[in-house]
């Protein structure tokens, strides 16, 4: 699919890009190539392919939370490097207002 310079300028304006004439030609050609590949994908017969939104079959791949005790020297080193402490805890900036 070949895009006109006017179409490329419009897309650049939507993306808030100020392109030179040289860049318009360069990126316009690249964008036209990408759109050509997308057109080719549209021609592939997918009638026997089941629609899917994810392909791994995995869900909620998270490890369980577990408490792991640090060695004393590891803990002391972490506390020494922390920018702010409160008792023996690392103090961090507030993330939520409530």
N, C-alpha and C. Protein backbone atom coordinates (compact mmCIF):
# COMPACT_ATOMS: atom_id res chain seq x y z
N UNK A 1 0.86 -1.17 0.00
CA UNK A 1 0.00 0.00 0.00
C UNK A 1 0.90 1.23 0.00
N UNK A 2 0.75 2.04 -1.01
CA UNK A 2 1.57 3.24 -1.13
C UNK A 2 0.80 4.44 -0.59
N UNK A 3 1.39 5.12 0.37
CA UNK A 3 0.76 6.30 0.97
C UNK A 3 1.25 7.56 0.26
N UNK A 4 0.36 8.52 0.15
CA UNK A 4 0.75 9.80 -0.44
C UNK A 4 1.48 10.63 0.62
N UNK A 5 2.22 11.64 0.16
CA UNK A 5 2.91 12.54 1.10
C UNK A 5 1.91 13.23 2.02
N UNK A 6 0.73 13.55 1.50
CA UNK A 6 -0.29 14.21 2.31
C UNK A 6 -0.74 13.28 3.44
N UNK A 7 -0.92 11.98 3.13
CA UNK A 7 -1.32 11.02 4.17
C UNK A 7 -0.21 10.85 5.21
N UNK A 8 1.01 10.81 4.75
CA UNK A 8 2.14 10.66 5.67
C UNK A 8 2.26 11.90 6.57
N UNK A 9 2.08 13.09 5.99
CA UNK A 9 2.11 14.33 6.79
C UNK A 9 1.00 14.31 7.83
N UNK A 10 -0.19 13.82 7.44
CA UNK A 10 -1.31 13.76 8.37
C UNK A 10 -0.98 12.82 9.54
N UNK A 11 -0.43 11.65 9.23
CA UNK A 11 -0.06 10.70 10.28
C UNK A 11 1.02 11.30 11.18
N UNK A 12 1.99 11.97 10.59
CA UNK A 12 3.05 12.62 11.38
C UNK A 12 2.45 13.68 12.30
N UNK A 13 1.50 14.46 11.79
CA UNK A 13 0.85 15.48 12.62
C UNK A 13 0.08 14.85 13.77
N UNK A 14 -0.59 13.73 13.51
CA UNK A 14 -1.32 13.04 14.58
C UNK A 14 -0.36 12.58 15.69
N UNK A 15 0.84 12.18 15.28
CA UNK A 15 1.86 11.73 16.24
C UNK A 15 2.68 12.90 16.79
N UNK A 16 2.32 14.11 16.40
CA UNK A 16 3.01 15.33 16.83
C UNK A 16 4.49 15.29 16.42
N UNK A 17 4.74 14.82 15.19
CA UNK A 17 6.10 14.77 14.65
C UNK A 17 6.26 15.85 13.59
N UNK A 18 7.34 16.56 13.66
CA UNK A 18 7.66 17.58 12.66
C UNK A 18 8.77 17.00 11.79
N UNK A 19 8.40 16.46 10.62
CA UNK A 19 9.35 15.76 9.76
C UNK A 19 9.81 16.64 8.61
N UNK A 20 11.07 16.48 8.24
CA UNK A 20 11.59 17.16 7.06
C UNK A 20 11.10 16.41 5.82
N UNK A 21 11.29 17.01 4.65
CA UNK A 21 10.90 16.35 3.40
C UNK A 21 11.63 15.01 3.25
N UNK A 22 12.90 15.00 3.62
CA UNK A 22 13.69 13.76 3.53
C UNK A 22 13.11 12.68 4.45
N UNK A 23 12.75 13.08 5.68
CA UNK A 23 12.18 12.13 6.63
C UNK A 23 10.82 11.64 6.17
N UNK A 24 10.02 12.54 5.57
CA UNK A 24 8.72 12.12 5.04
C UNK A 24 8.89 11.01 4.02
N UNK A 25 9.86 11.16 3.13
CA UNK A 25 10.11 10.13 2.14
C UNK A 25 10.58 8.82 2.75
N UNK A 26 11.52 8.95 3.69
CA UNK A 26 12.10 7.76 4.33
C UNK A 26 11.05 7.00 5.13
N UNK A 27 10.38 7.70 6.05
CA UNK A 27 9.42 7.03 6.92
C UNK A 27 8.15 6.66 6.17
N UNK A 28 7.80 7.44 5.16
CA UNK A 28 6.64 7.10 4.35
C UNK A 28 6.84 5.78 3.64
N UNK A 29 8.03 5.56 3.10
CA UNK A 29 8.34 4.29 2.45
C UNK A 29 8.29 3.13 3.43
N UNK A 30 8.84 3.35 4.63
CA UNK A 30 8.83 2.30 5.64
C UNK A 30 7.41 1.97 6.08
N UNK A 31 6.60 3.01 6.29
CA UNK A 31 5.22 2.80 6.71
C UNK A 31 4.43 2.09 5.61
N UNK A 32 4.67 2.46 4.37
CA UNK A 32 3.99 1.80 3.26
C UNK A 32 4.35 0.32 3.21
N UNK A 33 5.62 -0.01 3.48
CA UNK A 33 6.04 -1.42 3.51
C UNK A 33 5.32 -2.19 4.62
N UNK A 34 5.23 -1.59 5.79
CA UNK A 34 4.56 -2.24 6.92
C UNK A 34 3.09 -2.48 6.57
N UNK A 35 2.43 -1.48 6.01
CA UNK A 35 1.03 -1.65 5.64
C UNK A 35 0.87 -2.71 4.55
N UNK A 36 1.85 -2.82 3.67
CA UNK A 36 1.82 -3.87 2.65
C UNK A 36 1.88 -5.25 3.27
N UNK A 37 2.73 -5.42 4.29
CA UNK A 37 2.80 -6.70 5.00
C UNK A 37 1.47 -7.01 5.69
N UNK A 38 0.85 -6.00 6.26
CA UNK A 38 -0.44 -6.21 6.92
C UNK A 38 -1.49 -6.63 5.91
N UNK A 39 -1.47 -6.03 4.72
CA UNK A 39 -2.39 -6.44 3.66
C UNK A 39 -2.17 -7.90 3.29
N UNK A 40 -0.91 -8.32 3.22
CA UNK A 40 -0.60 -9.72 2.91
C UNK A 40 -1.17 -10.65 3.97
N UNK A 41 -1.09 -10.26 5.24
CA UNK A 41 -1.65 -11.08 6.31
C UNK A 41 -3.15 -11.22 6.17
N UNK A 42 -3.80 -10.18 5.67
CA UNK A 42 -5.24 -10.23 5.46
C UNK A 42 -5.65 -11.24 4.40
N UNK A 43 -4.73 -11.64 3.55
CA UNK A 43 -5.03 -12.60 2.49
C UNK A 43 -4.84 -14.05 2.94
N UNK A 44 -4.27 -14.26 4.12
CA UNK A 44 -4.02 -15.62 4.61
C UNK A 44 -5.35 -16.26 5.01
N UNK A 45 -5.54 -17.52 4.60
CA UNK A 45 -6.76 -18.26 4.94
C UNK A 45 -6.67 -18.73 6.39
N UNK A 46 -7.50 -18.17 7.24
CA UNK A 46 -7.51 -18.53 8.66
C UNK A 46 -8.83 -19.16 9.07
N UNK A 47 -9.59 -19.67 8.10
CA UNK A 47 -10.91 -20.22 8.42
C UNK A 47 -10.83 -21.42 9.35
N UNK A 48 -9.74 -22.18 9.31
CA UNK A 48 -9.62 -23.36 10.17
C UNK A 48 -8.87 -23.06 11.48
N UNK A 49 -8.56 -21.79 11.72
CA UNK A 49 -7.83 -21.41 12.93
C UNK A 49 -8.81 -20.88 13.96
N UNK A 50 -8.74 -21.47 15.14
CA UNK A 50 -9.62 -21.05 16.24
C UNK A 50 -9.19 -19.67 16.75
N UNK A 51 -10.12 -18.72 16.87
CA UNK A 51 -9.75 -17.39 17.39
C UNK A 51 -9.25 -17.51 18.84
N UNK A 52 -8.25 -16.74 19.17
CA UNK A 52 -7.71 -16.77 20.53
C UNK A 52 -7.12 -15.41 20.88
N UNK A 53 -7.12 -15.11 22.15
CA UNK A 53 -6.53 -13.86 22.61
C UNK A 53 -5.18 -14.12 23.28
N UNK A 54 -4.92 -15.39 23.60
CA UNK A 54 -3.62 -15.72 24.18
C UNK A 54 -3.27 -17.14 23.75
N UNK A 55 -1.99 -17.41 23.58
CA UNK A 55 -1.59 -18.65 22.93
C UNK A 55 -0.83 -19.63 23.82
N UNK A 56 -0.50 -19.26 25.04
CA UNK A 56 0.32 -20.15 25.85
C UNK A 56 -0.49 -21.17 26.63
N UNK A 57 -1.78 -20.87 26.89
CA UNK A 57 -2.58 -21.76 27.71
C UNK A 57 -2.32 -21.57 29.20
N UNK A 58 -1.45 -20.66 29.55
CA UNK A 58 -1.12 -20.43 30.95
C UNK A 58 -1.99 -19.31 31.51
N UNK A 59 -2.29 -19.41 32.79
CA UNK A 59 -3.03 -18.32 33.43
C UNK A 59 -2.51 -18.13 34.85
N UNK A 60 -2.47 -16.89 35.28
CA UNK A 60 -2.02 -16.55 36.63
C UNK A 60 -0.70 -17.24 36.99
N UNK A 61 0.30 -16.98 36.17
CA UNK A 61 1.61 -17.59 36.40
C UNK A 61 2.37 -16.71 37.39
N UNK A 62 2.03 -16.87 38.65
CA UNK A 62 2.67 -16.11 39.72
C UNK A 62 3.19 -17.08 40.75
N UNK A 63 4.27 -16.74 41.37
CA UNK A 63 4.77 -17.59 42.44
C UNK A 63 4.04 -17.21 43.73
N UNK A 64 3.86 -18.14 44.64
CA UNK A 64 3.22 -17.79 45.91
C UNK A 64 4.14 -16.90 46.74
N UNK A 65 3.55 -16.00 47.50
CA UNK A 65 4.33 -15.16 48.40
C UNK A 65 4.88 -16.03 49.52
N UNK A 66 6.10 -15.82 49.87
CA UNK A 66 6.68 -16.54 50.99
C UNK A 66 7.68 -15.63 51.70
N UNK A 67 7.74 -15.78 52.99
CA UNK A 67 8.68 -15.00 53.79
C UNK A 67 10.03 -15.70 53.75
N UNK A 68 11.05 -14.96 53.39
CA UNK A 68 12.41 -15.50 53.34
C UNK A 68 13.27 -14.68 54.28
N UNK A 69 13.83 -15.34 55.26
CA UNK A 69 14.70 -14.64 56.21
C UNK A 69 16.04 -14.34 55.56
N UNK A 70 16.49 -13.11 55.72
CA UNK A 70 17.81 -12.72 55.22
C UNK A 70 18.86 -13.09 56.25
N UNK A 71 20.04 -13.37 55.76
CA UNK A 71 21.16 -13.52 56.68
C UNK A 71 21.40 -12.16 57.33
N UNK A 72 21.96 -12.16 58.51
CA UNK A 72 22.15 -10.91 59.24
C UNK A 72 23.01 -9.92 58.47
N UNK A 73 24.07 -10.41 57.81
CA UNK A 73 24.94 -9.50 57.06
C UNK A 73 24.22 -8.91 55.84
N UNK A 74 23.33 -9.70 55.20
CA UNK A 74 22.55 -9.19 54.07
C UNK A 74 21.60 -8.09 54.53
N UNK A 75 20.92 -8.36 55.65
CA UNK A 75 19.98 -7.38 56.20
C UNK A 75 20.70 -6.09 56.59
N UNK A 76 21.82 -6.22 57.28
CA UNK A 76 22.57 -5.04 57.70
C UNK A 76 23.05 -4.23 56.50
N UNK A 77 23.49 -4.91 55.45
CA UNK A 77 23.96 -4.23 54.25
C UNK A 77 22.81 -3.48 53.56
N UNK A 78 21.64 -4.12 53.47
CA UNK A 78 20.48 -3.47 52.86
C UNK A 78 20.06 -2.24 53.66
N UNK A 79 20.03 -2.36 54.97
CA UNK A 79 19.65 -1.23 55.82
C UNK A 79 20.68 -0.11 55.72
N UNK A 80 21.95 -0.47 55.59
CA UNK A 80 23.01 0.53 55.49
C UNK A 80 22.87 1.33 54.18
N UNK A 81 22.42 0.68 53.11
CA UNK A 81 22.30 1.33 51.80
C UNK A 81 20.98 2.08 51.61
N UNK A 82 20.01 1.86 52.49
CA UNK A 82 18.70 2.49 52.35
C UNK A 82 18.80 3.99 52.60
N UNK A 83 18.08 4.80 51.80
CA UNK A 83 18.14 6.25 51.99
C UNK A 83 17.44 6.73 53.26
N UNK A 84 16.45 5.95 53.74
CA UNK A 84 15.72 6.39 54.92
C UNK A 84 15.26 5.16 55.72
N UNK A 85 15.41 5.23 57.04
CA UNK A 85 15.03 4.12 57.91
C UNK A 85 14.06 4.58 58.97
N UNK A 86 13.25 3.64 59.43
CA UNK A 86 12.42 3.84 60.61
C UNK A 86 12.55 2.56 61.43
N UNK A 87 13.20 2.66 62.57
CA UNK A 87 13.62 1.52 63.38
C UNK A 87 14.46 0.61 62.49
N UNK A 88 14.10 -0.67 62.31
CA UNK A 88 14.91 -1.53 61.44
C UNK A 88 14.21 -1.79 60.11
N UNK A 89 13.40 -0.83 59.67
CA UNK A 89 12.66 -0.97 58.42
C UNK A 89 13.09 0.11 57.43
N UNK A 90 13.07 -0.24 56.15
CA UNK A 90 13.37 0.73 55.10
C UNK A 90 12.12 1.57 54.89
N UNK A 91 12.28 2.88 54.96
CA UNK A 91 11.17 3.80 54.80
C UNK A 91 11.15 4.30 53.36
N UNK A 92 9.98 4.20 52.72
CA UNK A 92 9.84 4.64 51.33
C UNK A 92 8.80 5.75 51.25
N UNK A 93 8.82 6.47 50.13
CA UNK A 93 7.85 7.54 49.94
C UNK A 93 6.44 6.96 49.81
N UNK A 94 5.47 7.75 50.25
CA UNK A 94 4.08 7.35 50.17
C UNK A 94 3.68 7.17 48.71
N UNK A 95 2.95 6.07 48.42
CA UNK A 95 2.52 5.79 47.05
C UNK A 95 1.05 6.17 46.88
N UNK A 96 0.23 5.88 47.87
CA UNK A 96 -1.20 6.17 47.81
C UNK A 96 -1.54 7.25 48.83
N UNK A 97 -2.58 8.02 48.53
CA UNK A 97 -2.99 9.08 49.44
C UNK A 97 -3.75 8.55 50.65
N UNK A 98 -4.40 7.44 50.50
CA UNK A 98 -5.23 6.91 51.59
C UNK A 98 -4.56 5.75 52.26
